[in-house]
Protein backbone atom coordinates (compact mmCIF):
# COMPACT_ATOMS: atom_id res chain seq x y z
CA MET A 1 -30.58 -54.83 -27.70
CA ARG A 2 -29.11 -51.45 -26.81
CA PHE A 3 -31.58 -48.59 -27.20
CA THR A 4 -33.48 -46.00 -25.17
CA LYS A 5 -37.21 -45.33 -25.17
CA ALA A 6 -36.62 -41.91 -26.69
CA ILE A 7 -34.69 -43.39 -29.61
CA LEU A 8 -37.33 -46.06 -30.10
CA ALA A 9 -40.09 -43.46 -30.11
CA ALA A 10 -38.28 -41.46 -32.75
CA ALA A 11 -37.73 -44.60 -34.82
CA VAL A 12 -41.45 -45.37 -34.78
CA LEU A 13 -42.26 -41.99 -36.32
CA LEU A 14 -39.78 -42.11 -39.20
CA PRO A 15 -40.95 -43.22 -42.67
CA VAL A 16 -40.33 -46.68 -44.05
CA ALA A 17 -40.50 -45.52 -47.64
CA ALA A 18 -36.96 -44.18 -47.68
CA PHE A 19 -35.61 -47.70 -47.93
CA ALA A 20 -37.10 -48.16 -51.37
CA GLN A 21 -34.76 -45.42 -52.59
CA LYS A 22 -31.59 -46.50 -50.78
CA ALA A 23 -31.36 -50.31 -50.67
CA GLU A 24 -28.87 -51.96 -53.02
CA ASP A 25 -28.70 -55.41 -54.59
CA LEU A 26 -25.12 -56.44 -53.91
CA THR A 27 -23.31 -59.74 -54.36
CA PHE A 28 -20.48 -60.85 -52.10
CA THR A 29 -17.39 -63.01 -52.28
CA VAL A 30 -15.97 -64.35 -49.03
CA VAL A 31 -12.35 -63.38 -48.34
CA LYS A 32 -12.02 -64.86 -44.84
CA GLU A 33 -14.61 -66.66 -42.75
CA ASN A 34 -14.13 -67.93 -39.19
CA PRO A 35 -16.37 -70.55 -37.56
CA ILE A 36 -19.62 -69.51 -35.91
CA THR A 37 -22.46 -71.40 -34.29
CA SER A 38 -26.02 -71.46 -35.59
CA ILE A 39 -28.08 -68.29 -36.02
CA LYS A 40 -30.18 -67.47 -32.96
CA ASN A 41 -33.28 -65.28 -32.55
CA GLN A 42 -33.62 -62.79 -29.71
CA ASN A 43 -37.15 -62.18 -31.00
CA ARG A 44 -39.07 -59.70 -28.84
CA SER A 45 -36.39 -59.07 -26.23
CA GLY A 46 -33.79 -56.40 -25.60
CA THR A 47 -30.97 -58.91 -25.23
CA CYS A 48 -28.80 -58.52 -28.36
CA TRP A 49 -25.86 -57.69 -26.07
CA CYS A 50 -26.08 -61.21 -24.63
CA PHE A 51 -26.74 -63.00 -27.92
CA SER A 52 -23.77 -61.28 -29.55
CA ALA A 53 -21.44 -61.88 -26.60
CA LEU A 54 -22.33 -65.56 -26.32
CA SER A 55 -22.00 -66.05 -30.07
CA PHE A 56 -18.52 -64.54 -29.76
CA LEU A 57 -17.69 -66.82 -26.81
CA GLU A 58 -18.97 -69.85 -28.72
CA SER A 59 -16.58 -68.99 -31.57
CA GLU A 60 -13.82 -68.53 -29.02
CA ALA A 61 -14.55 -71.98 -27.59
CA ILE A 62 -14.36 -73.43 -31.10
CA ARG A 63 -11.07 -71.65 -31.82
CA ILE A 64 -9.35 -72.38 -28.51
CA ASN A 65 -10.33 -76.04 -28.43
CA ASN A 66 -10.25 -76.71 -32.20
CA LEU A 67 -13.76 -78.13 -31.99
CA LYS A 68 -15.49 -80.03 -34.75
CA GLU A 69 -18.94 -78.81 -35.76
CA ALA A 70 -20.64 -81.69 -33.94
CA ASP A 71 -19.10 -80.41 -30.70
CA TYR A 72 -19.94 -76.71 -31.09
CA PRO A 73 -21.39 -75.29 -27.84
CA ASP A 74 -24.74 -73.56 -27.48
CA PHE A 75 -24.58 -71.37 -24.38
CA SER A 76 -27.75 -70.29 -22.58
CA GLU A 77 -28.50 -66.60 -23.10
CA MET A 78 -31.10 -66.43 -20.36
CA PHE A 79 -28.68 -67.76 -17.75
CA VAL A 80 -26.67 -64.63 -18.47
CA VAL A 81 -29.67 -62.30 -18.76
CA SER A 82 -31.12 -63.46 -15.44
CA HIS A 83 -27.82 -63.00 -13.58
CA SER A 84 -27.33 -59.58 -15.17
CA TYR A 85 -30.82 -58.48 -14.17
CA VAL A 86 -30.24 -59.58 -10.56
CA ASP A 87 -26.92 -57.72 -10.36
CA ARG A 88 -28.51 -54.65 -11.94
CA ALA A 89 -31.39 -54.71 -9.48
CA ASP A 90 -28.92 -54.70 -6.58
CA LYS A 91 -27.07 -51.69 -8.00
CA TYR A 92 -30.32 -49.89 -8.86
CA ILE A 93 -31.47 -50.11 -5.26
CA ARG A 94 -28.06 -49.03 -3.93
CA VAL A 95 -28.13 -45.84 -6.03
CA ASP A 96 -31.80 -45.14 -5.18
CA GLY A 97 -32.96 -45.72 -8.76
CA ARG A 98 -30.65 -43.08 -10.23
CA MET A 99 -29.58 -45.19 -13.20
CA GLY A 100 -31.14 -46.93 -16.15
CA PHE A 101 -32.99 -50.18 -15.54
CA SER A 102 -33.95 -52.22 -18.58
CA ALA A 103 -33.08 -55.37 -20.50
CA GLY A 104 -30.41 -53.54 -22.48
CA SER A 105 -26.79 -53.97 -21.51
CA TRP A 106 -23.25 -54.20 -22.89
CA SER A 107 -21.48 -57.26 -24.29
CA GLU A 108 -18.80 -56.80 -21.63
CA ASP A 109 -21.50 -57.48 -19.03
CA ALA A 110 -21.79 -61.06 -20.27
CA ILE A 111 -18.03 -61.63 -20.53
CA ASN A 112 -16.38 -59.58 -17.77
CA HIS A 113 -19.01 -60.19 -15.12
CA VAL A 114 -21.55 -62.97 -15.63
CA MET A 115 -19.20 -65.49 -17.25
CA LYS A 116 -16.35 -64.55 -14.93
CA VAL A 117 -18.35 -64.77 -11.70
CA TYR A 118 -21.16 -67.23 -12.43
CA GLY A 119 -19.87 -69.35 -15.32
CA LEU A 120 -21.83 -70.61 -18.31
CA VAL A 121 -24.45 -73.29 -18.94
CA PRO A 122 -25.71 -74.97 -22.12
CA GLN A 123 -29.00 -73.92 -23.64
CA SER A 124 -30.42 -77.34 -22.83
CA ALA A 125 -29.83 -76.77 -19.10
CA MET A 126 -31.64 -73.41 -19.03
CA PRO A 127 -33.79 -72.65 -22.11
CA GLY A 128 -35.09 -69.55 -20.34
CA THR A 129 -38.64 -69.43 -21.72
CA ASN A 130 -40.80 -70.52 -18.79
CA TYR A 131 -43.72 -68.33 -19.88
CA GLY A 132 -45.26 -70.29 -22.73
CA THR A 133 -43.37 -69.31 -25.89
CA ASP A 134 -40.53 -70.93 -27.79
CA LEU A 135 -38.70 -67.65 -28.45
CA PRO A 136 -37.99 -64.76 -26.06
CA VAL A 137 -40.92 -62.42 -25.39
CA HIS A 138 -39.83 -60.05 -22.65
CA ALA A 139 -42.20 -57.09 -22.48
CA GLU A 140 -43.97 -58.54 -19.46
CA VAL A 141 -40.91 -59.60 -17.46
CA ASP A 142 -39.20 -56.29 -18.24
CA ALA A 143 -42.22 -54.35 -16.98
CA VAL A 144 -42.61 -56.52 -13.87
CA ALA A 145 -38.92 -56.28 -12.98
CA LYS A 146 -38.90 -52.49 -13.37
CA ALA A 147 -42.08 -52.05 -11.33
CA TYR A 148 -40.66 -54.26 -8.57
CA VAL A 149 -37.37 -52.40 -8.16
CA ASP A 150 -39.14 -49.03 -8.33
CA ALA A 151 -41.37 -50.15 -5.47
CA ILE A 152 -38.33 -51.18 -3.43
CA VAL A 153 -36.58 -47.87 -4.13
CA LYS A 154 -39.47 -46.07 -2.43
CA ASN A 155 -38.54 -47.97 0.76
CA PRO A 156 -42.07 -47.92 2.21
CA ASN A 157 -40.95 -49.50 5.52
CA GLY A 158 -38.26 -46.91 6.07
CA THR A 159 -35.66 -49.67 6.02
CA LEU A 160 -35.06 -52.36 3.41
CA SER A 161 -36.22 -55.85 4.33
CA THR A 162 -34.22 -59.05 4.01
CA ALA A 163 -36.80 -60.37 1.54
CA TRP A 164 -36.64 -58.04 -1.46
CA LYS A 165 -33.69 -59.78 -3.14
CA LYS A 166 -35.39 -63.16 -2.81
CA GLY A 167 -38.51 -61.61 -4.30
CA PHE A 168 -36.66 -60.28 -7.31
CA GLN A 169 -34.85 -63.59 -7.80
CA GLY A 170 -38.26 -65.25 -7.69
CA ILE A 171 -39.39 -63.13 -10.63
CA MET A 172 -36.33 -64.12 -12.63
CA ASP A 173 -36.78 -67.79 -11.76
CA ALA A 174 -40.44 -67.71 -12.73
CA TYR A 175 -39.74 -66.33 -16.20
CA PHE A 176 -36.30 -67.74 -17.02
CA GLY A 177 -36.02 -70.77 -14.74
CA ALA A 178 -33.80 -71.41 -11.72
CA TYR A 179 -30.04 -71.53 -12.27
CA PRO A 180 -28.92 -75.14 -12.72
CA GLU A 181 -26.38 -76.03 -10.05
CA GLU A 182 -25.31 -79.20 -11.87
CA PHE A 183 -26.07 -80.65 -15.30
CA THR A 184 -24.84 -83.38 -17.62
CA VAL A 185 -23.39 -82.91 -21.11
CA ASN A 186 -22.29 -85.92 -23.15
CA GLY A 187 -22.37 -88.10 -20.06
CA LYS A 188 -20.23 -85.79 -17.92
CA LYS A 189 -21.46 -83.73 -14.98
CA TYR A 190 -20.66 -80.02 -14.77
CA THR A 191 -21.34 -76.95 -12.69
CA PRO A 192 -21.61 -73.57 -14.45
CA ILE A 193 -18.00 -72.82 -13.45
CA SER A 194 -16.55 -76.16 -14.52
CA TYR A 195 -18.50 -76.01 -17.79
CA ARG A 196 -16.98 -72.60 -18.57
CA ASP A 197 -13.55 -73.85 -17.64
CA SER A 198 -13.92 -76.94 -19.83
CA PHE A 199 -13.75 -74.57 -22.84
CA LYS A 200 -10.70 -72.72 -21.43
CA LEU A 201 -12.59 -69.42 -21.48
CA ASP A 202 -10.96 -66.78 -19.26
CA ALA A 203 -12.62 -63.36 -19.03
CA ASP A 204 -9.26 -61.75 -18.27
CA ASN A 205 -8.06 -62.57 -21.79
CA TYR A 206 -10.51 -60.16 -23.44
CA VAL A 207 -10.21 -56.44 -24.08
CA SER A 208 -12.51 -53.82 -25.55
CA LEU A 209 -11.72 -50.98 -27.94
CA THR A 210 -13.56 -47.74 -28.72
CA SER A 211 -12.70 -44.56 -30.62
CA PHE A 212 -13.67 -41.04 -29.57
CA THR A 213 -11.81 -37.77 -29.06
CA HIS A 214 -13.42 -36.57 -25.82
CA HIS A 215 -11.00 -38.87 -23.98
CA PRO A 216 -7.25 -39.35 -24.55
CA PHE A 217 -6.17 -42.00 -27.02
CA TYR A 218 -4.48 -45.18 -25.75
CA GLU A 219 -6.14 -44.90 -22.36
CA PRO A 220 -9.27 -46.74 -21.18
CA PHE A 221 -12.58 -45.10 -20.31
CA ALA A 222 -16.18 -46.14 -19.74
CA VAL A 223 -18.20 -45.26 -22.83
CA GLU A 224 -21.00 -42.97 -21.68
CA VAL A 225 -24.14 -44.85 -22.71
CA THR A 226 -26.99 -45.96 -20.47
CA ASP A 227 -26.57 -49.65 -21.21
CA ASN A 228 -22.96 -49.60 -19.99
CA TRP A 229 -24.37 -49.62 -16.48
CA ARG A 230 -21.42 -51.53 -15.04
CA ALA A 231 -19.09 -48.80 -16.40
CA ASP A 232 -16.93 -51.32 -18.25
CA GLN A 233 -13.90 -49.63 -19.78
CA ALA A 234 -12.65 -49.79 -23.33
CA TYR A 235 -9.26 -48.70 -24.64
CA ASN A 236 -9.64 -45.54 -26.70
CA VAL A 237 -7.78 -45.72 -30.02
CA PRO A 238 -7.98 -43.81 -33.33
CA ILE A 239 -10.59 -45.25 -35.67
CA ASP A 240 -7.97 -46.36 -38.21
CA GLU A 241 -6.33 -48.49 -35.51
CA LEU A 242 -9.66 -49.87 -34.33
CA MET A 243 -10.47 -50.95 -37.89
CA GLU A 244 -6.98 -52.38 -38.28
CA ALA A 245 -7.55 -54.42 -35.11
CA ILE A 246 -10.83 -55.83 -36.46
CA TYR A 247 -9.30 -56.86 -39.78
CA TYR A 248 -6.14 -58.22 -38.14
CA ALA A 249 -8.24 -60.34 -35.78
CA LEU A 250 -10.48 -61.71 -38.53
CA GLU A 251 -7.57 -62.43 -40.86
CA ASN A 252 -5.81 -64.38 -38.10
CA GLY A 253 -8.67 -66.66 -37.08
CA TYR A 254 -10.30 -64.56 -34.34
CA THR A 255 -13.70 -62.89 -34.19
CA THR A 256 -14.98 -59.79 -32.37
CA THR A 257 -18.16 -58.46 -30.84
CA TRP A 258 -19.63 -55.39 -32.53
CA GLY A 259 -21.72 -52.80 -30.71
CA GLY A 260 -23.05 -49.66 -32.33
CA ASP A 261 -25.73 -47.81 -34.25
CA VAL A 262 -27.96 -49.60 -36.76
CA SER A 263 -30.75 -46.99 -36.91
CA GLU A 264 -29.50 -45.87 -40.32
CA THR A 265 -31.09 -45.77 -43.76
CA GLY A 266 -28.38 -48.04 -45.12
CA PHE A 267 -28.90 -50.81 -42.57
CA THR A 268 -31.41 -52.87 -44.56
CA ARG A 269 -33.62 -55.77 -43.58
CA THR A 270 -32.15 -57.83 -46.42
CA GLY A 271 -28.67 -58.08 -44.93
CA THR A 272 -26.51 -55.10 -45.93
CA ALA A 273 -25.20 -52.16 -43.91
CA LEU A 274 -24.09 -49.09 -45.90
CA LEU A 275 -23.33 -45.63 -44.55
CA LEU A 276 -26.00 -43.68 -46.42
CA ASP A 277 -27.92 -40.61 -45.25
CA PRO A 278 -29.71 -41.48 -41.98
CA LYS A 279 -33.30 -40.56 -42.91
CA ALA A 280 -35.36 -43.60 -42.04
CA SER A 281 -36.07 -46.24 -39.42
CA THR A 282 -39.09 -48.36 -38.53
CA SER A 283 -41.17 -49.88 -35.77
CA GLY A 284 -42.32 -53.36 -34.86
CA SER A 285 -40.25 -56.39 -33.83
CA ASP A 286 -36.66 -55.94 -32.75
CA MET A 287 -35.58 -56.24 -36.39
CA GLU A 288 -38.31 -53.91 -37.62
CA ARG A 289 -37.35 -51.22 -35.12
CA TRP A 290 -34.21 -50.63 -37.14
CA VAL A 291 -34.87 -51.75 -40.76
CA GLY A 292 -37.53 -51.22 -43.41
CA LYS A 293 -39.78 -53.45 -45.45
CA ALA A 294 -39.12 -52.15 -48.95
CA GLU A 295 -37.75 -54.31 -51.76
CA ASP A 296 -34.20 -53.78 -53.04
CA LYS A 297 -33.36 -52.17 -56.36
CA PRO A 298 -30.51 -53.65 -58.44
CA ALA A 299 -27.19 -51.83 -58.14
CA GLU A 300 -25.41 -51.01 -61.39
CA THR A 301 -22.64 -48.96 -59.75
CA ALA A 302 -20.93 -49.04 -56.39
CA PRO A 303 -23.12 -47.54 -53.64
CA LYS A 304 -22.11 -44.00 -52.76
CA GLU A 305 -21.35 -43.82 -49.06
CA ILE A 306 -20.34 -41.16 -46.57
CA VAL A 307 -16.58 -41.21 -45.93
CA PRO A 308 -16.43 -41.09 -42.12
CA ASP A 309 -13.44 -39.74 -40.22
CA GLN A 310 -12.71 -39.20 -36.54
CA ALA A 311 -14.59 -35.89 -36.53
CA PHE A 312 -17.66 -37.54 -38.11
CA ARG A 313 -17.68 -40.15 -35.37
CA GLN A 314 -17.34 -37.61 -32.59
CA LYS A 315 -20.04 -35.35 -34.01
CA GLY A 316 -22.43 -38.27 -34.24
CA PHE A 317 -21.75 -39.37 -30.67
CA ASP A 318 -21.97 -35.83 -29.26
CA GLU A 319 -25.20 -35.06 -31.13
CA LYS A 320 -26.65 -38.52 -30.41
CA THR A 321 -27.11 -39.40 -34.06
CA THR A 322 -24.75 -42.30 -33.39
CA THR A 323 -26.44 -44.22 -30.61
CA ASP A 324 -26.12 -47.45 -28.67
CA ASP A 325 -28.64 -49.51 -30.64
CA HIS A 326 -27.53 -53.04 -31.21
CA GLY A 327 -24.90 -55.71 -30.59
CA MET A 328 -23.75 -58.30 -33.15
CA HIS A 329 -20.81 -60.62 -33.90
CA ALA A 330 -18.17 -59.96 -36.59
CA PHE A 331 -16.67 -63.19 -37.94
CA GLY A 332 -15.41 -62.67 -41.49
CA ILE A 333 -14.41 -60.43 -44.38
CA ALA A 334 -16.00 -60.22 -47.84
CA LYS A 335 -15.91 -58.05 -50.97
CA ASP A 336 -18.79 -56.93 -53.18
CA GLN A 337 -18.85 -57.02 -56.97
CA PHE A 338 -17.26 -53.56 -57.02
CA GLY A 339 -14.28 -54.60 -54.88
CA ASN A 340 -15.45 -52.84 -51.72
CA LYS A 341 -14.57 -54.42 -48.38
CA TYR A 342 -17.22 -55.67 -45.93
CA LEU A 343 -17.39 -57.28 -42.52
CA MET A 344 -19.43 -60.46 -42.24
CA ILE A 345 -21.72 -60.00 -39.26
CA LYS A 346 -23.80 -62.58 -37.42
CA ASN A 347 -27.04 -61.04 -36.22
CA SER A 348 -29.56 -62.34 -33.67
CA TRP A 349 -32.81 -61.79 -35.60
CA GLY A 350 -33.21 -65.40 -36.70
CA GLU A 351 -32.55 -66.59 -40.25
CA SER A 352 -33.89 -63.36 -41.69
CA GLY A 353 -32.92 -61.45 -44.79
CA LYS A 354 -31.27 -62.51 -48.01
CA TYR A 355 -28.33 -64.13 -46.21
CA LYS A 356 -30.23 -66.08 -43.55
CA GLY A 357 -29.21 -64.03 -40.53
CA ILE A 358 -25.86 -62.75 -41.82
CA TRP A 359 -25.28 -59.05 -42.57
CA TYR A 360 -22.60 -57.60 -44.83
CA MET A 361 -21.38 -54.35 -43.25
CA SER A 362 -19.34 -51.92 -45.31
CA ASP A 363 -16.03 -50.60 -44.07
CA ALA A 364 -17.55 -47.10 -44.07
CA PHE A 365 -20.54 -48.16 -41.97
CA CYS A 366 -18.31 -49.77 -39.36
CA ARG A 367 -15.93 -46.79 -39.28
CA GLY A 368 -18.79 -44.40 -38.79
CA LYS A 369 -21.11 -46.27 -36.46
CA VAL A 370 -19.22 -48.75 -34.29
CA LEU A 371 -19.14 -47.81 -30.60
CA ASP A 372 -17.05 -50.64 -29.25
CA ILE A 373 -15.67 -54.09 -29.96
CA THR A 374 -14.41 -56.87 -27.70
CA LEU A 375 -11.76 -59.37 -28.78
CA HIS A 376 -9.06 -61.65 -27.41
CA LYS A 377 -5.97 -59.69 -26.43
CA ASP A 378 -3.87 -61.99 -28.62
CA ALA A 379 -5.92 -60.80 -31.61
CA LEU A 380 -4.55 -57.26 -31.30
CA PRO A 381 -1.80 -56.15 -33.68
CA LYS A 382 1.55 -56.19 -31.87
CA GLU A 383 2.14 -52.46 -32.28
CA LEU A 384 -1.26 -51.65 -30.76
CA ARG A 385 -0.68 -54.03 -27.85
CA LYS A 386 2.56 -52.19 -27.19
CA LYS A 387 0.84 -48.80 -27.22
CA LEU A 388 -1.81 -50.05 -24.80
CA GLY A 389 0.63 -51.82 -22.52
CA ILE A 390 -1.16 -55.15 -22.88
């Protein structure tokens, strides 16, 4: 999950009732659908960035290795989350606490750093819930981790000890489990590195795209959001070319991560995302922080949406009405009964909503509210690859 406390506080205060007036009953026809693994549930944790990135990598493993469904991987999210937390703690101490420290992060964190440096493990080798629940419940570990690093930042001894890193790792191990050094899958032994390599996953093959005008187009920059704490860079391209890249990838058998703003009236709990007037959000579980509880009304005409352009995107980012809320996984294309184009999005809120964990995101919503995507460099249109020098 990618949100700040201030945004969450604002979301809690906004009315739920607005959804009763905005939600639409749409029907969809699949145009192109690429393989995905089963729907997961991040539950009460701020880890959508990891769930979305690993879902993407699972689809990449399927694509690269032409896997049958019986052989689909299920990568451990908490292996990634634990490593990310440890790396973040180290940086937090080095900069004397002058950065964000929370469970939220960026999908590139999982791909460019944790997978690249530490590898991957199956869910069975590290379920990551050593605290008595079947699904993630992270309020306690998040609070403990933050309190610990804040105590270390104060440096009460006047010099840092050699024990604080072991202490923080101990917290991670207690909640998520120790990192498995070796494990067996289908009768074969692996390490986290060899397991990653068995799927031919190479972090250097992936690139990220974004689209804003406060940096030059066709050059990379680190999108200025708190959760991008590693300052991962994305290539800046016009929104039309970013959308073209998404559709080109999906049409050619690839998928992409999707990171952006879902705190919008048109992002419903039933599984649709439309770019309507942003007048409502809610509180509660991770899903309920962003979507309402009202029932849909049947749609007799095509939903009327905002038509976003580059200026709309920039205004939203500058004014912080387009925020770094959530990460998901785009895997297909569909059309509604009115002929409008949608992205098929795999969410990490369990089998919720009308489509059992799948959201249908309108072209307008994506154009207006996406912050960044990550995809295989071979999934880029040739002309865009040439412009970016990839």
